Amino acid sequence: MINRILIFITVLFLLTSCKLELDGEIYVADVIDVGEGKGTLNTPMNLSFEMSSENKCNEDKKEISNILKNYFINFVAKDCYSEDFNSFLRIGADIPIIKDLVSGDGQVVLSDKSVISFAVVKGENEQLQYYTSYIALNSPLFESISKKIKDKYYQTLKLNKTKIELAINNDGREAEEVRFASSFVNGKPVVFPQNFKIERRQKIDFLGSDVTTAAFDQDKLAYIFTVIKDK
């Protein structure tokens, strides 16, 4: 009985904070193709959920994964690991990239199969076309996860300091121009909108800033980057 109570308290402490880390790649060509209406595409990502300890992660990995697997595409429970005095359960999943059909309304289309998705909003003027990407959380699906956690552990989930780390990869046949703002680009802070060129078969490393984190945690939507192309 004492061991069961300790397990309950440990998992409870972990899951209520729900610190999430996301890392993976987004291909520029996929963002453009989705923006041009060529259909939804998926990109593989790793997502790490904070755990109370690596040992507890290994003990509870199957049980927690059985909850999470219903809210991601091609879910895979990977491993438990520790980093900077924190422990995590790492999963793999395909994150959908979806075209948003209505630009400028402050909202994006969400996947009904994945709690997290990327949205692409296309814009244009006389000279240029813009493909702006966002990361979005499906609140009803997240609340459903929270309910299942509450049913089992008597607590709800709240996002806390989500870390978003992406490699923006140019797999096309020519250099691409991309714009970032309020983020870290190749390890350097970018406060105001700034354009970068990604050469063919090269990449740029993106790390969300505190603003990115706060926007995702509070508003369930955060700006990532924009692809800019001449007409």
C-alpha atoms as a PDB file:
ATOM      1  CA  MET A   1       0.000   0.000   0.000  1.00  0.00           C
ATOM      2  CA  ILE A   2       2.802   2.436   0.882  1.00  0.00           C
ATOM      3  CA  ASN A   3       4.561   1.731  -2.422  1.00  0.00           C
ATOM      4  CA  ARG A   4       1.326   2.341  -4.336  1.00  0.00           C
ATOM      5  CA  ILE A   5       0.824   5.673  -2.565  1.00  0.00           C
ATOM      6  CA  LEU A   6       4.386   6.729  -3.348  1.00  0.00           C
ATOM      7  CA  ILE A   7       3.935   5.838  -7.007  1.00  0.00           C
ATOM      8  CA  PHE A   8       0.703   7.830  -7.103  1.00  0.00           C
ATOM      9  CA  ILE A   9       2.306  10.926  -5.545  1.00  0.00           C
ATOM     10  CA  THR A  10       5.376  10.762  -7.786  1.00  0.00           C
ATOM     11  CA  VAL A  11       3.446  10.478 -11.041  1.00  0.00           C
ATOM     12  CA  LEU A  12       1.002  13.116  -9.849  1.00  0.00           C
ATOM     13  CA  PHE A  13       3.811  15.586  -9.204  1.00  0.00           C
ATOM     14  CA  LEU A  14       5.233  14.953 -12.626  1.00  0.00           C
ATOM     15  CA  LEU A  15       2.151  15.117 -14.796  1.00  0.00           C
ATOM     16  CA  THR A  16       0.548  18.266 -13.399  1.00  0.00           C
ATOM     17  CA  SER A  17       3.400  20.469 -14.703  1.00  0.00           C
ATOM     18  CA  CYS A  18       3.539  18.812 -18.163  1.00  0.00           C
ATOM     19  CA  LYS A  19       6.766  20.331 -19.375  1.00  0.00           C
ATOM     20  CA  LEU A  20       6.959  19.430 -23.047  1.00  0.00           C
ATOM     21  CA  GLU A  21       9.951  19.461 -25.392  1.00  0.00           C
ATOM     22  CA  LEU A  22       9.543  19.061 -29.127  1.00  0.00           C
ATOM     23  CA  ASP A  23      12.333  18.560 -31.637  1.00  0.00           C
ATOM     24  CA  GLY A  24      12.472  17.517 -35.261  1.00  0.00           C
ATOM     25  CA  GLU A  25      12.735  18.779 -38.819  1.00  0.00           C
ATOM     26  CA  ILE A  26      10.454  20.761 -41.083  1.00  0.00           C
ATOM     27  CA  TYR A  27      11.187  20.791 -44.801  1.00  0.00           C
ATOM     28  CA  VAL A  28      10.733  24.053 -46.669  1.00  0.00           C
ATOM     29  CA  ALA A  29       9.340  22.201 -49.687  1.00  0.00           C
ATOM     30  CA  ASP A  30       6.628  20.631 -47.497  1.00  0.00           C
ATOM     31  CA  VAL A  31       5.580  24.041 -46.186  1.00  0.00           C
ATOM     32  CA  ILE A  32       5.317  25.375 -49.746  1.00  0.00           C
ATOM     33  CA  ASP A  33       3.450  22.310 -51.037  1.00  0.00           C
ATOM     34  CA  VAL A  34       0.913  22.471 -48.213  1.00  0.00           C
ATOM     35  CA  GLY A  35       0.513  26.214 -48.754  1.00  0.00           C
ATOM     36  CA  GLU A  36      -0.171  25.550 -52.435  1.00  0.00           C
ATOM     37  CA  GLY A  37      -3.004  23.209 -51.541  1.00  0.00           C
ATOM     38  CA  LYS A  38      -1.286  19.921 -52.388  1.00  0.00           C
ATOM     39  CA  GLY A  39      -2.697  18.228 -49.302  1.00  0.00           C
ATOM     40  CA  THR A  40      -1.738  17.648 -45.698  1.00  0.00           C
ATOM     41  CA  LEU A  41       1.736  16.242 -45.067  1.00  0.00           C
ATOM     42  CA  ASN A  42       3.285  14.721 -41.966  1.00  0.00           C
ATOM     43  CA  THR A  43       6.711  15.352 -40.487  1.00  0.00           C
ATOM     44  CA  PRO A  44       8.280  13.052 -37.869  1.00  0.00           C
ATOM     45  CA  MET A  45       9.047  14.626 -34.505  1.00  0.00           C
ATOM     46  CA  ASN A  46      10.260  13.650 -31.071  1.00  0.00           C
ATOM     47  CA  LEU A  47       8.229  14.868 -28.109  1.00  0.00           C
ATOM     48  CA  SER A  48       9.504  14.589 -24.556  1.00  0.00           C
ATOM     49  CA  PHE A  49       7.180  14.699 -21.543  1.00  0.00           C
ATOM     50  CA  GLU A  50       8.714  15.550 -18.184  1.00  0.00           C
ATOM     51  CA  MET A  51       8.783  12.747 -15.624  1.00  0.00           C
ATOM     52  CA  SER A  52       9.650  12.762 -11.940  1.00  0.00           C
ATOM     53  CA  SER A  53      12.623  10.425 -12.408  1.00  0.00           C
ATOM     54  CA  GLU A  54      14.098   8.124 -15.009  1.00  0.00           C
ATOM     55  CA  ASN A  55      13.263   5.077 -12.900  1.00  0.00           C
ATOM     56  CA  LYS A  56       9.627   6.132 -12.544  1.00  0.00           C
ATOM     57  CA  CYS A  57       9.513   6.828 -16.253  1.00  0.00           C
ATOM     58  CA  ASN A  58      10.557   3.264 -17.031  1.00  0.00           C
ATOM     59  CA  GLU A  59       8.001   1.908 -14.565  1.00  0.00           C
ATOM     60  CA  ASP A  60       5.086   3.986 -15.868  1.00  0.00           C
ATOM     61  CA  LYS A  61       6.106   4.225 -19.537  1.00  0.00           C
ATOM     62  CA  LYS A  62       3.583   1.652 -20.784  1.00  0.00           C
ATOM     63  CA  GLU A  63       0.668   3.035 -18.814  1.00  0.00           C
ATOM     64  CA  ILE A  64       1.221   6.657 -19.814  1.00  0.00           C
ATOM     65  CA  SER A  65       1.940   5.691 -23.424  1.00  0.00           C
ATOM     66  CA  ASN A  66      -1.403   3.877 -23.580  1.00  0.00           C
ATOM     67  CA  ILE A  67      -3.039   7.242 -22.867  1.00  0.00           C
ATOM     68  CA  LEU A  68      -0.896   9.338 -25.220  1.00  0.00           C
ATOM     69  CA  LYS A  69      -0.998   6.981 -28.219  1.00  0.00           C
ATOM     70  CA  ASN A  70      -4.603   7.907 -29.005  1.00  0.00           C
ATOM     71  CA  TYR A  71      -3.700  11.556 -29.567  1.00  0.00           C
ATOM     72  CA  PHE A  72      -0.850  11.283 -32.062  1.00  0.00           C
ATOM     73  CA  ILE A  73      -0.297   9.881 -35.553  1.00  0.00           C
ATOM     74  CA  ASN A  74       2.024   6.851 -35.777  1.00  0.00           C
ATOM     75  CA  PHE A  75       2.824   7.063 -32.070  1.00  0.00           C
ATOM     76  CA  VAL A  76       5.950   5.275 -30.820  1.00  0.00           C
ATOM     77  CA  ALA A  77       7.046   5.150 -27.177  1.00  0.00           C
ATOM     78  CA  LYS A  78      10.817   5.504 -27.379  1.00  0.00           C
ATOM     79  CA  ASP A  79      12.877   5.840 -24.220  1.00  0.00           C
ATOM     80  CA  CYS A  80      13.325   7.447 -20.826  1.00  0.00           C
ATOM     81  CA  TYR A  81      16.251   9.788 -20.261  1.00  0.00           C
ATOM     82  CA  SER A  82      17.619  12.484 -17.958  1.00  0.00           C
ATOM     83  CA  GLU A  83      18.949  15.904 -18.940  1.00  0.00           C
ATOM     84  CA  ASP A  84      19.835  18.988 -16.859  1.00  0.00           C
ATOM     85  CA  PHE A  85      18.441  17.402 -13.666  1.00  0.00           C
ATOM     86  CA  ASN A  86      15.124  16.634 -15.395  1.00  0.00           C
ATOM     87  CA  SER A  87      13.778  13.283 -16.574  1.00  0.00           C
ATOM     88  CA  PHE A  88      11.651  12.703 -19.663  1.00  0.00           C
ATOM     89  CA  LEU A  89       9.625  10.135 -21.554  1.00  0.00           C
ATOM     90  CA  ARG A  90      10.457  10.499 -25.242  1.00  0.00           C
ATOM     91  CA  ILE A  91       7.917   9.536 -27.866  1.00  0.00           C
ATOM     92  CA  GLY A  92       7.946   9.704 -31.643  1.00  0.00           C
ATOM     93  CA  ALA A  93       5.005  10.797 -33.771  1.00  0.00           C
ATOM     94  CA  ASP A  94       4.139  12.200 -37.172  1.00  0.00           C
ATOM     95  CA  ILE A  95       2.999  15.808 -36.808  1.00  0.00           C
ATOM     96  CA  PRO A  96       0.635  16.975 -39.578  1.00  0.00           C
ATOM     97  CA  ILE A  97       1.270  20.118 -41.606  1.00  0.00           C
ATOM     98  CA  ILE A  98      -2.079  21.601 -42.597  1.00  0.00           C
ATOM     99  CA  LYS A  99      -3.078  24.481 -44.848  1.00  0.00           C
ATOM    100  CA  ASP A 100      -5.128  27.168 -43.141  1.00  0.00           C
ATOM    101  CA  LEU A 101      -7.794  28.401 -45.538  1.00  0.00           C
ATOM    102  CA  VAL A 102      -8.663  31.674 -43.788  1.00  0.00           C
ATOM    103  CA  SER A 103      -5.718  33.987 -43.186  1.00  0.00           C
ATOM    104  CA  GLY A 104      -5.651  36.931 -40.810  1.00  0.00           C
ATOM    105  CA  ASP A 105      -8.347  35.733 -38.391  1.00  0.00           C
ATOM    106  CA  GLY A 106      -5.954  34.842 -35.570  1.00  0.00           C
ATOM    107  CA  GLN A 107      -6.892  31.175 -35.744  1.00  0.00           C
ATOM    108  CA  VAL A 108      -5.659  28.168 -37.696  1.00  0.00           C
ATOM    109  CA  VAL A 109      -7.089  24.858 -38.842  1.00  0.00           C
ATOM    110  CA  LEU A 110      -6.317  22.051 -36.380  1.00  0.00           C
ATOM    111  CA  SER A 111      -5.838  18.331 -36.876  1.00  0.00           C
ATOM    112  CA  ASP A 112      -8.469  16.100 -35.325  1.00  0.00           C
ATOM    113  CA  LYS A 113      -5.983  13.200 -35.220  1.00  0.00           C
ATOM    114  CA  SER A 114      -3.027  14.862 -33.505  1.00  0.00           C
ATOM    115  CA  VAL A 115      -2.987  17.066 -30.420  1.00  0.00           C
ATOM    116  CA  ILE A 116      -0.149  19.085 -32.007  1.00  0.00           C
ATOM    117  CA  SER A 117       0.044  20.242 -35.626  1.00  0.00           C
ATOM    118  CA  PHE A 118       1.679  22.792 -37.880  1.00  0.00           C
ATOM    119  CA  ALA A 119      -0.433  25.221 -39.897  1.00  0.00           C
ATOM    120  CA  VAL A 120       0.605  27.038 -43.079  1.00  0.00           C
ATOM    121  CA  VAL A 121      -0.994  30.338 -44.052  1.00  0.00           C
ATOM    122  CA  LYS A 122      -0.376  31.581 -47.598  1.00  0.00           C
ATOM    123  CA  GLY A 123      -0.253  35.280 -48.390  1.00  0.00           C
ATOM    124  CA  GLU A 124       0.910  37.335 -51.358  1.00  0.00           C
ATOM    125  CA  ASN A 125       1.352  40.754 -52.870  1.00  0.00           C
ATOM    126  CA  GLU A 126       2.274  41.912 -56.376  1.00  0.00           C
ATOM    127  CA  GLN A 127       5.867  40.705 -56.129  1.00  0.00           C
ATOM    128  CA  LEU A 128       6.037  38.018 -53.439  1.00  0.00           C
ATOM    129  CA  GLN A 129       4.352  34.944 -52.015  1.00  0.00           C
ATOM    130  CA  TYR A 130       4.507  34.151 -48.296  1.00  0.00           C
ATOM    131  CA  TYR A 131       4.096  30.802 -46.585  1.00  0.00           C
ATOM    132  CA  THR A 132       3.860  31.387 -42.839  1.00  0.00           C
ATOM    133  CA  SER A 133       4.012  28.419 -40.469  1.00  0.00           C
ATOM    134  CA  TYR A 134       2.670  28.115 -36.933  1.00  0.00           C
ATOM    135  CA  ILE A 135       2.652  25.382 -34.339  1.00  0.00           C
ATOM    136  CA  ALA A 136      -0.757  24.790 -32.793  1.00  0.00           C
ATOM    137  CA  LEU A 137      -2.309  22.788 -29.981  1.00  0.00           C
ATOM    138  CA  ASN A 138      -5.719  21.185 -30.326  1.00  0.00           C
ATOM    139  CA  SER A 139      -7.237  22.265 -27.001  1.00  0.00           C
ATOM    140  CA  PRO A 140     -10.149  19.765 -26.993  1.00  0.00           C
ATOM    141  CA  LEU A 141      -7.745  16.860 -27.580  1.00  0.00           C
ATOM    142  CA  PHE A 142      -5.384  18.167 -24.911  1.00  0.00           C
ATOM    143  CA  GLU A 143      -8.293  18.495 -22.505  1.00  0.00           C
ATOM    144  CA  SER A 144      -9.250  14.921 -23.319  1.00  0.00           C
ATOM    145  CA  ILE A 145      -5.724  13.773 -22.382  1.00  0.00           C
ATOM    146  CA  SER A 146      -6.011  15.840 -19.214  1.00  0.00           C
ATOM    147  CA  LYS A 147      -9.319  14.184 -18.363  1.00  0.00           C
ATOM    148  CA  LYS A 148      -7.845  10.703 -18.744  1.00  0.00           C
ATOM    149  CA  ILE A 149      -4.925  11.709 -16.549  1.00  0.00           C
ATOM    150  CA  LYS A 150      -7.353  13.164 -14.017  1.00  0.00           C
ATOM    151  CA  ASP A 151      -9.436   9.982 -14.023  1.00  0.00           C
ATOM    152  CA  LYS A 152      -6.336   7.976 -13.196  1.00  0.00           C
ATOM    153  CA  TYR A 153      -4.194  10.350 -11.131  1.00  0.00           C
ATOM    154  CA  TYR A 154      -6.798  12.889  -9.906  1.00  0.00           C
ATOM    155  CA  GLN A 155      -5.030  15.887 -11.414  1.00  0.00           C
ATOM    156  CA  THR A 156      -5.268  17.867 -14.646  1.00  0.00           C
ATOM    157  CA  LEU A 157      -2.504  18.829 -17.070  1.00  0.00           C
ATOM    158  CA  LYS A 158      -1.193  22.329 -17.725  1.00  0.00           C
ATOM    159  CA  LEU A 159       1.495  23.244 -20.237  1.00  0.00           C
ATOM    160  CA  ASN A 160       4.567  24.746 -18.621  1.00  0.00           C
ATOM    161  CA  LYS A 161       7.583  26.169 -20.477  1.00  0.00           C
ATOM    162  CA  THR A 162       7.237  24.189 -23.683  1.00  0.00           C
ATOM    163  CA  LYS A 163      10.525  23.966 -25.583  1.00  0.00           C
ATOM    164  CA  ILE A 164      10.278  24.009 -29.385  1.00  0.00           C
ATOM    165  CA  GLU A 165      13.467  23.152 -31.263  1.00  0.00           C
ATOM    166  CA  LEU A 166      13.390  22.575 -35.016  1.00  0.00           C
ATOM    167  CA  ALA A 167      15.720  22.166 -37.956  1.00  0.00           C
ATOM    168  CA  ILE A 168      14.359  24.073 -40.956  1.00  0.00           C
ATOM    169  CA  ASN A 169      15.672  22.003 -43.844  1.00  0.00           C
ATOM    170  CA  ASN A 170      15.920  23.085 -47.485  1.00  0.00           C
ATOM    171  CA  ASP A 171      15.536  19.926 -49.521  1.00  0.00           C
ATOM    172  CA  GLY A 172      14.682  21.817 -52.729  1.00  0.00           C
ATOM    173  CA  ARG A 173      16.712  22.520 -55.837  1.00  0.00           C
ATOM    174  CA  GLU A 174      17.507  26.143 -55.056  1.00  0.00           C
ATOM    175  CA  ALA A 175      18.261  28.458 -52.160  1.00  0.00           C
ATOM    176  CA  GLU A 176      15.224  29.613 -50.177  1.00  0.00           C
ATOM    177  CA  GLU A 177      14.579  32.826 -48.268  1.00  0.00           C
ATOM    178  CA  VAL A 178      12.996  32.461 -44.841  1.00  0.00           C
ATOM    179  CA  ARG A 179      12.046  34.939 -42.133  1.00  0.00           C
ATOM    180  CA  PHE A 180      12.251  34.519 -38.363  1.00  0.00           C
ATOM    181  CA  ALA A 181      11.317  36.756 -35.444  1.00  0.00           C
ATOM    182  CA  SER A 182      11.434  36.551 -31.649  1.00  0.00           C
ATOM    183  CA  SER A 183      13.453  33.326 -31.642  1.00  0.00           C
ATOM    184  CA  PHE A 184      16.968  31.921 -31.650  1.00  0.00           C
ATOM    185  CA  VAL A 185      18.341  31.200 -35.105  1.00  0.00           C
ATOM    186  CA  ASN A 186      21.500  29.109 -35.271  1.00  0.00           C
ATOM    187  CA  GLY A 187      22.005  29.929 -31.614  1.00  0.00           C
ATOM    188  CA  LYS A 188      21.730  33.714 -32.021  1.00  0.00           C
ATOM    189  CA  PRO A 189      18.784  35.800 -30.770  1.00  0.00           C
ATOM    190  CA  VAL A 190      16.560  37.363 -33.434  1.00  0.00           C
ATOM    191  CA  VAL A 191      14.220  39.940 -31.922  1.00  0.00           C
ATOM    192  CA  PHE A 192      12.769  41.700 -34.949  1.00  0.00           C
ATOM    193  CA  PRO A 193      11.747  40.046 -38.247  1.00  0.00           C
ATOM    194  CA  GLN A 194      14.901  39.099 -40.125  1.00  0.00           C
ATOM    195  CA  ASN A 195      15.407  37.256 -43.409  1.00  0.00           C
ATOM    196  CA  PHE A 196      17.869  34.398 -43.893  1.00  0.00           C
ATOM    197  CA  LYS A 197      18.906  32.399 -46.936  1.00  0.00           C
ATOM    198  CA  ILE A 198      19.038  28.626 -46.708  1.00  0.00           C
ATOM    199  CA  GLU A 199      21.208  27.134 -49.413  1.00  0.00           C
ATOM    200  CA  ARG A 200      20.180  23.921 -51.137  1.00  0.00           C
ATOM    201  CA  ARG A 201      20.562  20.872 -48.859  1.00  0.00           C
ATOM    202  CA  GLN A 202      21.348  23.078 -45.877  1.00  0.00           C
ATOM    203  CA  LYS A 203      19.373  23.833 -42.738  1.00  0.00           C
ATOM    204  CA  ILE A 204      18.771  26.497 -40.118  1.00  0.00           C
ATOM    205  CA  ASP A 205      18.336  25.647 -36.439  1.00  0.00           C
ATOM    206  CA  PHE A 206      15.322  27.247 -34.758  1.00  0.00           C
ATOM    207  CA  LEU A 207      14.767  27.485 -31.023  1.00  0.00           C
ATOM    208  CA  GLY A 208      11.644  29.146 -29.712  1.00  0.00           C
ATOM    209  CA  SER A 209      12.137  32.087 -27.357  1.00  0.00           C
ATOM    210  CA  ASP A 210      10.261  32.779 -24.123  1.00  0.00           C
ATOM    211  CA  VAL A 211       7.687  34.592 -26.278  1.00  0.00           C
ATOM    212  CA  THR A 212       7.237  31.482 -28.432  1.00  0.00           C
ATOM    213  CA  THR A 213       6.842  29.364 -25.325  1.00  0.00           C
ATOM    214  CA  ALA A 214       4.351  31.724 -23.688  1.00  0.00           C
ATOM    215  CA  ALA A 215       2.297  32.006 -26.881  1.00  0.00           C
ATOM    216  CA  PHE A 216       2.066  28.232 -27.236  1.00  0.00           C
ATOM    217  CA  ASP A 217       1.396  27.536 -23.561  1.00  0.00           C
ATOM    218  CA  GLN A 218      -1.182  30.293 -23.134  1.00  0.00           C
ATOM    219  CA  ASP A 219      -2.709  30.845 -26.584  1.00  0.00           C
ATOM    220  CA  LYS A 220      -2.064  27.337 -27.979  1.00  0.00           C
ATOM    221  CA  LEU A 221      -0.568  28.917 -31.104  1.00  0.00           C
ATOM    222  CA  ALA A 222       2.952  30.172 -31.858  1.00  0.00           C
ATOM    223  CA  TYR A 223       4.701  31.595 -34.918  1.00  0.00           C
ATOM    224  CA  ILE A 224       7.644  29.599 -36.304  1.00  0.00           C
ATOM    225  CA  PHE A 225       8.870  31.053 -39.622  1.00  0.00           C
ATOM    226  CA  THR A 226       7.882  32.335 -43.065  1.00  0.00           C
ATOM    227  CA  VAL A 227       9.074  31.198 -46.487  1.00  0.00           C
ATOM    228  CA  ILE A 228       9.322  34.088 -48.974  1.00  0.00           C
ATOM    229  CA  LYS A 229       9.317  33.480 -52.709  1.00  0.00           C
ATOM    230  CA  ASP A 230       9.282  35.697 -55.799  1.00  0.00           C
ATOM    231  CA  LYS A 231       6.309  35.317 -58.105  1.00  0.00           C
END
